[in-house]
């Protein structure tokens, strides 16, 4: 009977350790995911608003198109 109780205690401790380990992994995964998302947002903002960004190039192309239409008329 004592041997069986010791095994139960070991199993309970193992479950507790396992739960703490799973929580730690989940927290680490969450932090890594948030960091990756922050990096991706930074890159996306830089691509769209930067010196040679999408919005600036679209504006330049619009001006070129408008000028080309004026020349044709």
Protein backbone atom coordinates (compact mmCIF):
# COMPACT_ATOMS: atom_id res chain seq x y z
CA UNK A 1 0.00 0.00 0.00
CA UNK A 2 2.82 2.41 0.85
CA UNK A 3 4.49 1.64 -2.45
CA UNK A 4 1.28 2.49 -4.28
CA UNK A 5 0.98 5.80 -2.41
CA UNK A 6 4.54 6.73 -3.30
CA UNK A 7 3.79 6.10 -6.98
CA UNK A 8 0.69 8.29 -6.74
CA UNK A 9 2.76 11.11 -5.22
CA UNK A 10 5.37 10.74 -7.96
CA UNK A 11 2.67 10.79 -10.64
CA UNK A 12 1.09 13.92 -9.14
CA UNK A 13 4.46 15.67 -9.02
CA UNK A 14 5.15 14.64 -12.59
CA UNK A 15 1.82 16.07 -13.71
CA UNK A 16 2.53 19.34 -11.89
CA UNK A 17 5.96 19.64 -13.45
CA UNK A 18 4.47 18.83 -16.85
CA UNK A 19 1.85 21.56 -16.48
CA UNK A 20 4.43 24.15 -15.48
CA UNK A 21 6.57 23.14 -18.44
CA UNK A 22 3.62 23.47 -20.81
CA UNK A 23 2.74 26.90 -19.47
CA UNK A 24 6.34 28.04 -19.92
CA UNK A 25 6.47 26.83 -23.48
CA UNK A 26 3.16 28.53 -24.22
CA UNK A 27 4.40 31.83 -22.79
CA UNK A 28 7.66 31.62 -24.74
CA UNK A 29 5.72 30.82 -27.91
CA UNK A 30 3.43 33.78 -27.32
CA UNK A 31 6.37 36.17 -26.84
CA UNK A 32 8.12 34.90 -29.96
CA UNK A 33 4.92 35.23 -31.99
CA UNK A 34 4.39 38.80 -30.82
CA UNK A 35 8.00 39.71 -31.67
CA UNK A 36 7.65 38.26 -35.17
CA UNK A 37 4.41 40.20 -35.71
CA UNK A 38 6.07 43.44 -34.56
CA UNK A 39 8.94 42.87 -37.00
CA UNK A 40 6.52 42.16 -39.86
CA UNK A 41 4.50 45.30 -39.10
CA UNK A 42 7.69 47.36 -39.08
CA UNK A 43 8.75 45.97 -42.44
CA UNK A 44 5.29 46.55 -43.93
CA UNK A 45 5.21 50.17 -42.74
CA UNK A 46 8.70 50.78 -44.09
CA UNK A 47 7.78 49.33 -47.48
CA UNK A 48 4.65 51.44 -47.82
CA UNK A 49 5.76 54.75 -46.31
CA UNK A 50 9.56 54.72 -46.71
CA UNK A 51 11.60 56.89 -49.12
CA UNK A 52 10.94 54.58 -52.03
CA UNK A 53 7.64 53.29 -50.69
CA UNK A 54 4.56 52.19 -52.56
CA UNK A 55 2.61 55.40 -51.90
CA UNK A 56 5.41 57.65 -53.16
CA UNK A 57 5.93 55.57 -56.29
CA UNK A 58 2.18 55.56 -56.99
CA UNK A 59 2.09 59.34 -56.69
CA UNK A 60 5.05 59.71 -59.07
CA UNK A 61 3.47 57.34 -61.58
CA UNK A 62 0.20 59.27 -61.40
CA UNK A 63 2.05 62.49 -62.20
CA UNK A 64 3.84 60.83 -65.14
CA UNK A 65 0.53 59.48 -66.46
CA UNK A 66 -1.14 62.87 -66.14
CA UNK A 67 1.76 64.56 -67.95
CA UNK A 68 1.65 61.94 -70.72
CA UNK A 69 -2.07 62.56 -71.23
CA UNK A 70 -1.48 66.32 -71.50
CA UNK A 71 1.23 65.79 -74.11
CA UNK A 72 -1.03 63.56 -76.22
CA UNK A 73 -3.81 66.18 -76.37
